[in-house]
N, C-alpha and C. Protein backbone atom coordinates (compact mmCIF):
# COMPACT_ATOMS: atom_id res chain seq x y z
N MET A 1 133.73 123.51 52.27
CA MET A 1 133.37 122.13 52.11
C MET A 1 131.88 122.08 51.77
N LYS A 2 131.54 121.24 50.82
CA LYS A 2 130.15 121.10 50.39
C LYS A 2 129.38 120.35 51.46
N PRO A 3 128.08 120.70 51.64
CA PRO A 3 127.28 120.03 52.68
C PRO A 3 127.23 118.52 52.51
N ALA A 4 127.11 118.00 51.31
CA ALA A 4 127.02 116.56 51.09
C ALA A 4 128.32 115.88 51.52
N LEU A 5 129.47 116.49 51.22
CA LEU A 5 130.76 115.93 51.59
C LEU A 5 130.93 115.97 53.11
N PHE A 6 130.48 117.05 53.75
CA PHE A 6 130.56 117.17 55.20
C PHE A 6 129.72 116.08 55.89
N ILE A 7 128.51 115.84 55.40
CA ILE A 7 127.64 114.81 55.98
C ILE A 7 128.26 113.43 55.80
N ALA A 8 128.83 113.17 54.65
CA ALA A 8 129.47 111.88 54.40
C ALA A 8 130.67 111.68 55.32
N ALA A 9 131.44 112.75 55.55
CA ALA A 9 132.61 112.65 56.44
C ALA A 9 132.17 112.39 57.88
N MET A 10 131.12 113.07 58.33
CA MET A 10 130.62 112.86 59.69
C MET A 10 130.06 111.44 59.86
N ALA A 11 129.35 110.95 58.86
CA ALA A 11 128.79 109.59 58.93
C ALA A 11 129.92 108.58 59.00
N GLY A 12 130.97 108.78 58.23
CA GLY A 12 132.13 107.89 58.28
C GLY A 12 132.79 107.91 59.65
N LEU A 13 132.92 109.10 60.22
CA LEU A 13 133.51 109.23 61.56
C LEU A 13 132.67 108.51 62.60
N LEU A 14 131.35 108.65 62.51
CA LEU A 14 130.46 107.95 63.43
C LEU A 14 130.59 106.44 63.29
N LEU A 15 130.71 105.93 62.08
CA LEU A 15 130.87 104.49 61.88
C LEU A 15 132.18 103.98 62.48
N ILE A 16 133.21 104.80 62.42
CA ILE A 16 134.50 104.41 62.98
C ILE A 16 134.46 104.42 64.50
N LEU A 17 133.81 105.43 65.10
CA LEU A 17 133.79 105.58 66.55
C LEU A 17 132.71 104.76 67.25
N ALA A 18 131.68 104.32 66.53
CA ALA A 18 130.56 103.61 67.15
C ALA A 18 130.99 102.37 67.93
N PRO A 19 131.86 101.48 67.41
CA PRO A 19 132.24 100.30 68.20
C PRO A 19 132.92 100.66 69.52
N PHE A 20 133.70 101.73 69.54
CA PHE A 20 134.37 102.15 70.78
C PHE A 20 133.36 102.68 71.80
N ALA A 21 132.37 103.40 71.32
CA ALA A 21 131.35 103.95 72.22
C ALA A 21 130.45 102.84 72.76
N LEU A 22 130.06 101.90 71.91
CA LEU A 22 129.18 100.82 72.33
C LEU A 22 129.87 99.86 73.30
N LYS A 23 131.17 99.77 73.21
CA LYS A 23 131.92 98.87 74.09
C LYS A 23 131.73 99.26 75.55
N HIS A 24 131.53 100.53 75.84
CA HIS A 24 131.43 101.01 77.20
C HIS A 24 129.99 101.15 77.70
N LEU A 25 129.02 100.83 76.84
CA LEU A 25 127.63 100.88 77.26
C LEU A 25 127.16 99.48 77.63
N THR A 26 126.43 99.36 78.71
CA THR A 26 125.86 98.07 79.08
C THR A 26 124.36 98.26 79.22
N VAL A 27 123.65 97.26 78.77
CA VAL A 27 122.20 97.28 78.87
C VAL A 27 121.80 96.10 79.73
N SER A 28 121.07 96.39 80.78
CA SER A 28 120.59 95.31 81.64
C SER A 28 119.14 95.58 82.00
N ALA A 29 118.44 94.48 82.25
CA ALA A 29 117.03 94.61 82.62
C ALA A 29 116.93 95.15 84.04
N PRO A 30 115.92 95.91 84.32
CA PRO A 30 115.72 96.37 85.69
C PRO A 30 115.53 95.18 86.62
N PRO A 31 115.94 95.31 87.89
CA PRO A 31 115.84 94.19 88.81
C PRO A 31 114.43 93.61 88.93
N GLU A 32 113.39 94.44 88.80
CA GLU A 32 112.05 93.91 88.94
C GLU A 32 111.64 93.00 87.78
N ASP A 33 112.40 93.02 86.68
CA ASP A 33 112.12 92.15 85.55
C ASP A 33 112.83 90.81 85.67
N HIS A 34 113.68 90.66 86.68
CA HIS A 34 114.44 89.43 86.87
C HIS A 34 113.52 88.33 87.40
N ILE A 35 113.51 87.20 86.73
CA ILE A 35 112.73 86.06 87.20
C ILE A 35 113.67 85.19 88.02
N MET A 36 113.36 85.07 89.31
CA MET A 36 114.21 84.28 90.19
C MET A 36 114.06 82.80 89.91
N THR A 37 115.17 82.08 90.02
CA THR A 37 115.09 80.63 90.00
C THR A 37 114.50 80.19 91.33
N VAL A 38 114.06 78.96 91.41
CA VAL A 38 113.49 78.47 92.67
C VAL A 38 114.54 78.48 93.78
N ASP A 39 115.81 78.23 93.43
CA ASP A 39 116.88 78.25 94.43
C ASP A 39 117.21 79.67 94.90
N GLU A 40 116.99 80.66 94.04
CA GLU A 40 117.16 82.05 94.46
C GLU A 40 116.01 82.48 95.37
N ALA A 41 114.81 82.00 95.06
CA ALA A 41 113.64 82.37 95.85
C ALA A 41 113.65 81.70 97.22
N PHE A 42 114.15 80.45 97.28
CA PHE A 42 114.11 79.67 98.52
C PHE A 42 115.46 78.98 98.74
N ALA A 43 116.31 79.61 99.55
CA ALA A 43 117.63 79.04 99.85
C ALA A 43 117.51 78.13 101.06
N VAL A 44 117.70 76.84 100.85
CA VAL A 44 117.50 75.83 101.89
C VAL A 44 118.84 75.40 102.46
N SER A 45 118.91 75.31 103.80
CA SER A 45 120.11 74.78 104.45
C SER A 45 119.69 73.90 105.63
N LEU A 46 120.56 72.95 105.95
CA LEU A 46 120.29 72.01 107.04
C LEU A 46 121.57 71.84 107.85
N GLU A 47 121.44 71.96 109.17
CA GLU A 47 122.57 71.76 110.08
C GLU A 47 122.19 70.70 111.10
N ARG A 48 123.15 69.84 111.41
CA ARG A 48 122.91 68.84 112.44
C ARG A 48 123.56 69.30 113.73
N HIS A 49 122.78 69.26 114.80
CA HIS A 49 123.28 69.53 116.14
C HIS A 49 123.20 68.22 116.91
N GLN A 50 123.60 68.23 118.15
CA GLN A 50 123.67 66.99 118.91
C GLN A 50 122.33 66.25 118.98
N HIS A 51 121.26 66.96 119.28
CA HIS A 51 119.97 66.31 119.45
C HIS A 51 118.88 66.85 118.53
N ALA A 52 119.27 67.60 117.52
CA ALA A 52 118.26 68.19 116.63
C ALA A 52 118.87 68.56 115.28
N LEU A 53 118.00 68.73 114.32
CA LEU A 53 118.37 69.26 113.01
C LEU A 53 117.79 70.67 112.92
N GLN A 54 118.54 71.59 112.35
CA GLN A 54 118.06 72.96 112.13
C GLN A 54 117.87 73.13 110.63
N LEU A 55 116.62 73.25 110.21
CA LEU A 55 116.28 73.46 108.81
C LEU A 55 115.93 74.93 108.63
N ASN A 56 116.64 75.60 107.74
CA ASN A 56 116.40 77.02 107.46
C ASN A 56 116.05 77.19 105.98
N ILE A 57 115.04 77.98 105.74
CA ILE A 57 114.69 78.37 104.37
C ILE A 57 114.67 79.89 104.34
N ASP A 58 115.65 80.46 103.66
CA ASP A 58 115.70 81.91 103.48
C ASP A 58 114.86 82.25 102.25
N ILE A 59 113.86 83.08 102.45
CA ILE A 59 112.90 83.39 101.40
C ILE A 59 113.20 84.79 100.87
N ALA A 60 113.45 84.88 99.58
CA ALA A 60 113.84 86.15 98.95
C ALA A 60 112.72 87.18 99.03
N PRO A 61 113.09 88.47 99.01
CA PRO A 61 112.06 89.53 98.98
C PRO A 61 111.11 89.32 97.79
N GLY A 62 109.82 89.44 98.06
CA GLY A 62 108.82 89.27 97.01
C GLY A 62 108.36 87.83 96.83
N ALA A 63 109.02 86.89 97.49
CA ALA A 63 108.65 85.48 97.37
C ALA A 63 107.92 85.04 98.64
N TYR A 64 107.16 83.97 98.52
CA TYR A 64 106.49 83.40 99.68
C TYR A 64 106.35 81.90 99.48
N LEU A 65 106.29 81.19 100.60
CA LEU A 65 106.25 79.74 100.64
C LEU A 65 104.92 79.31 101.26
N TYR A 66 104.20 78.39 100.61
CA TYR A 66 102.92 77.92 101.13
C TYR A 66 103.12 76.97 102.30
N ARG A 67 102.46 77.26 103.40
CA ARG A 67 102.58 76.42 104.60
C ARG A 67 102.07 75.01 104.34
N ASP A 68 100.91 74.88 103.69
CA ASP A 68 100.31 73.56 103.50
C ASP A 68 100.97 72.74 102.40
N LYS A 69 101.93 73.30 101.70
CA LYS A 69 102.66 72.57 100.65
C LYS A 69 104.03 72.10 101.15
N LEU A 70 104.33 72.38 102.43
CA LEU A 70 105.63 72.03 103.00
C LEU A 70 105.49 70.73 103.81
N HIS A 71 106.25 69.72 103.42
CA HIS A 71 106.24 68.42 104.11
C HIS A 71 107.68 67.92 104.22
N ILE A 72 107.97 67.22 105.31
CA ILE A 72 109.30 66.66 105.53
C ILE A 72 109.16 65.18 105.80
N GLU A 73 109.90 64.38 105.05
CA GLU A 73 109.90 62.93 105.24
C GLU A 73 111.31 62.49 105.64
N PRO A 74 111.49 62.00 106.88
CA PRO A 74 112.80 61.49 107.27
C PRO A 74 113.02 60.09 106.69
N GLU A 75 114.23 59.84 106.24
CA GLU A 75 114.59 58.52 105.72
C GLU A 75 115.92 58.11 106.35
N GLY A 76 115.89 57.04 107.13
CA GLY A 76 117.10 56.55 107.78
C GLY A 76 117.36 57.21 109.13
N LEU A 77 116.44 58.00 109.61
CA LEU A 77 116.56 58.60 110.94
C LEU A 77 115.18 58.85 111.51
N ALA A 78 115.13 58.99 112.83
CA ALA A 78 113.85 59.17 113.52
C ALA A 78 113.77 60.58 114.10
N LEU A 79 112.68 61.24 113.81
CA LEU A 79 112.45 62.59 114.33
C LEU A 79 111.42 62.53 115.46
N GLY A 80 111.62 63.38 116.45
CA GLY A 80 110.62 63.56 117.51
C GLY A 80 109.49 64.44 117.00
N GLN A 81 108.60 64.82 117.90
CA GLN A 81 107.46 65.66 117.55
C GLN A 81 107.92 67.08 117.20
N TRP A 82 107.36 67.61 116.16
CA TRP A 82 107.61 68.99 115.76
C TRP A 82 106.38 69.47 114.99
N GLN A 83 106.26 70.76 114.84
CA GLN A 83 105.14 71.30 114.06
C GLN A 83 105.57 72.59 113.36
N LEU A 84 104.88 72.86 112.28
CA LEU A 84 105.12 74.10 111.54
C LEU A 84 104.52 75.28 112.30
N PRO A 85 105.20 76.40 112.32
CA PRO A 85 104.60 77.59 112.94
C PRO A 85 103.47 78.12 112.07
N ALA A 86 102.59 78.90 112.68
CA ALA A 86 101.52 79.53 111.91
C ALA A 86 102.13 80.45 110.87
N GLY A 87 101.49 80.56 109.73
CA GLY A 87 101.96 81.45 108.68
C GLY A 87 101.11 82.71 108.62
N GLU A 88 101.43 83.54 107.67
CA GLU A 88 100.68 84.77 107.43
C GLU A 88 99.46 84.44 106.55
N PRO A 89 98.26 84.85 106.94
CA PRO A 89 97.09 84.59 106.08
C PRO A 89 97.29 85.23 104.70
N TYR A 90 96.90 84.49 103.67
CA TYR A 90 97.11 84.96 102.30
C TYR A 90 96.05 84.34 101.40
N GLU A 91 95.62 85.08 100.40
CA GLU A 91 94.66 84.55 99.43
C GLU A 91 95.15 84.91 98.03
N ASP A 92 95.17 83.90 97.17
CA ASP A 92 95.55 84.15 95.77
C ASP A 92 94.68 83.34 94.83
N GLU A 93 94.84 83.59 93.54
CA GLU A 93 93.99 82.94 92.55
C GLU A 93 94.34 81.48 92.33
N TYR A 94 95.51 81.04 92.80
CA TYR A 94 95.95 79.67 92.58
C TYR A 94 95.41 78.71 93.63
N PHE A 95 95.55 79.06 94.91
CA PHE A 95 95.19 78.15 95.99
C PHE A 95 94.14 78.71 96.94
N GLY A 96 93.58 79.87 96.64
CA GLY A 96 92.57 80.45 97.50
C GLY A 96 93.15 80.91 98.82
N LYS A 97 92.39 80.71 99.90
CA LYS A 97 92.86 81.12 101.23
C LYS A 97 93.88 80.11 101.74
N SER A 98 95.00 80.62 102.21
CA SER A 98 96.05 79.75 102.73
C SER A 98 96.91 80.55 103.69
N GLN A 99 97.97 79.94 104.15
CA GLN A 99 98.97 80.61 104.97
C GLN A 99 100.31 80.50 104.26
N VAL A 100 101.10 81.58 104.36
CA VAL A 100 102.40 81.60 103.68
C VAL A 100 103.48 82.07 104.66
N TYR A 101 104.72 81.75 104.30
CA TYR A 101 105.88 82.25 105.02
C TYR A 101 106.63 83.22 104.12
N ARG A 102 107.15 84.28 104.72
CA ARG A 102 107.97 85.26 104.01
C ARG A 102 109.27 85.44 104.79
N GLU A 103 110.30 85.88 104.12
CA GLU A 103 111.61 86.21 104.69
C GLU A 103 112.39 84.98 105.15
N GLN A 104 111.93 84.28 106.20
CA GLN A 104 112.68 83.12 106.66
C GLN A 104 111.77 82.16 107.42
N LEU A 105 112.06 80.89 107.24
CA LEU A 105 111.40 79.85 108.02
C LEU A 105 112.52 79.03 108.66
N ALA A 106 112.50 78.94 109.98
CA ALA A 106 113.50 78.17 110.73
C ALA A 106 112.77 77.10 111.53
N LEU A 107 113.15 75.84 111.33
CA LEU A 107 112.52 74.73 112.02
C LEU A 107 113.56 73.94 112.79
N GLU A 108 113.26 73.63 114.03
CA GLU A 108 114.11 72.73 114.81
C GLU A 108 113.41 71.38 114.85
N LEU A 109 114.09 70.38 114.30
CA LEU A 109 113.53 69.03 114.21
C LEU A 109 114.28 68.14 115.19
N PRO A 110 113.65 67.72 116.30
CA PRO A 110 114.35 66.92 117.29
C PRO A 110 114.71 65.53 116.75
N LEU A 111 115.93 65.10 117.01
CA LEU A 111 116.39 63.76 116.64
C LEU A 111 116.18 62.83 117.83
N LEU A 112 115.60 61.69 117.58
CA LEU A 112 115.43 60.71 118.64
C LEU A 112 116.74 59.95 118.84
N ASN A 113 116.95 59.42 120.05
CA ASN A 113 118.17 58.66 120.35
C ASN A 113 118.35 57.53 119.34
N GLY A 114 119.57 57.32 118.97
CA GLY A 114 119.89 56.24 118.04
C GLY A 114 119.76 56.63 116.59
N SER A 115 119.36 57.86 116.28
CA SER A 115 119.27 58.27 114.88
C SER A 115 120.66 58.34 114.27
N SER A 116 120.80 57.69 113.15
CA SER A 116 122.10 57.69 112.48
C SER A 116 122.04 58.58 111.24
N ASP A 117 123.01 58.41 110.40
CA ASP A 117 123.01 59.19 109.16
C ASP A 117 121.79 58.80 108.32
N GLY A 118 121.32 59.74 107.59
CA GLY A 118 120.18 59.51 106.71
C GLY A 118 119.93 60.78 105.92
N HIS A 119 118.71 60.99 105.53
CA HIS A 119 118.39 62.23 104.82
C HIS A 119 116.92 62.59 105.03
N LEU A 120 116.64 63.82 104.72
CA LEU A 120 115.27 64.33 104.73
C LEU A 120 114.84 64.60 103.30
N MET A 121 113.62 64.25 102.99
CA MET A 121 113.03 64.66 101.73
C MET A 121 112.14 65.86 102.05
N LEU A 122 112.50 67.00 101.50
CA LEU A 122 111.77 68.24 101.72
C LEU A 122 110.90 68.51 100.50
N HIS A 123 109.60 68.62 100.73
CA HIS A 123 108.64 68.94 99.67
C HIS A 123 108.10 70.33 99.98
N TYR A 124 108.08 71.21 98.97
CA TYR A 124 107.60 72.57 99.18
C TYR A 124 107.16 73.20 97.87
N GLN A 125 106.40 74.27 98.00
CA GLN A 125 105.96 75.04 96.83
C GLN A 125 105.75 76.48 97.25
N GLY A 126 106.09 77.39 96.37
CA GLY A 126 105.91 78.80 96.65
C GLY A 126 105.86 79.61 95.38
N CYS A 127 105.81 80.92 95.56
CA CYS A 127 105.73 81.84 94.43
C CYS A 127 106.72 82.98 94.62
N GLY A 128 107.08 83.62 93.54
CA GLY A 128 107.96 84.78 93.57
C GLY A 128 108.14 85.33 92.17
N SER A 129 108.50 86.59 92.05
CA SER A 129 108.73 87.24 90.76
C SER A 129 107.51 87.18 89.85
N GLY A 130 106.32 87.19 90.44
CA GLY A 130 105.11 87.19 89.62
C GLY A 130 104.73 85.84 89.06
N LEU A 131 105.36 84.76 89.52
CA LEU A 131 104.99 83.43 89.05
C LEU A 131 105.05 82.45 90.20
N CYS A 132 104.35 81.34 90.05
CA CYS A 132 104.38 80.28 91.06
C CYS A 132 105.19 79.12 90.50
N TYR A 133 106.04 78.59 91.35
CA TYR A 133 106.91 77.48 90.96
C TYR A 133 106.16 76.17 91.09
N PRO A 134 106.52 75.17 90.28
CA PRO A 134 105.89 73.86 90.47
C PRO A 134 106.35 73.26 91.80
N PRO A 135 105.65 72.26 92.31
CA PRO A 135 106.08 71.63 93.56
C PRO A 135 107.54 71.17 93.46
N GLN A 136 108.27 71.38 94.55
CA GLN A 136 109.69 71.05 94.59
C GLN A 136 109.93 69.90 95.55
N GLN A 137 111.00 69.15 95.30
CA GLN A 137 111.42 68.08 96.20
C GLN A 137 112.93 68.13 96.28
N ARG A 138 113.46 68.20 97.51
CA ARG A 138 114.92 68.25 97.71
C ARG A 138 115.33 67.19 98.71
N LYS A 139 116.40 66.51 98.38
CA LYS A 139 116.98 65.52 99.29
C LYS A 139 118.09 66.22 100.07
N LEU A 140 117.96 66.25 101.40
CA LEU A 140 118.92 66.91 102.27
C LEU A 140 119.66 65.86 103.09
N GLU A 141 120.94 65.70 102.85
CA GLU A 141 121.74 64.70 103.55
C GLU A 141 121.97 65.11 104.99
N VAL A 142 121.88 64.13 105.89
CA VAL A 142 122.14 64.33 107.30
C VAL A 142 123.28 63.39 107.69
N ASN A 143 124.40 63.96 108.13
CA ASN A 143 125.51 63.09 108.57
C ASN A 143 126.26 63.74 109.70
């Protein structure tokens, strides 16, 4: 067989087999290149108990939540006294010296007698995946 004919036959064979080989290959970005959505970075949940609300924010690895950017506004219900726990000291180019939460933030918000159904407006801001998210606002139903 002549070399030119052999090369042409091999090239033809490769063109025929290429779609089958590529079908089984997957290309994905490394996990560190994944940009988390704000909901992936900060998973918020609220549970009502008899005399209190339990607010949990699960904070993804590599993300952090600014303590001074977290505010809760009750609407249609009355909360007793509560306070945010101290955070971890942190300094960055966006907000300078501040305190942040990592991993999880759990807050017990006491309900005053006579509190009925209503909702909480949760305001927060944090960073993760090498970027800072704009200020967030979530309406959390209480029933």
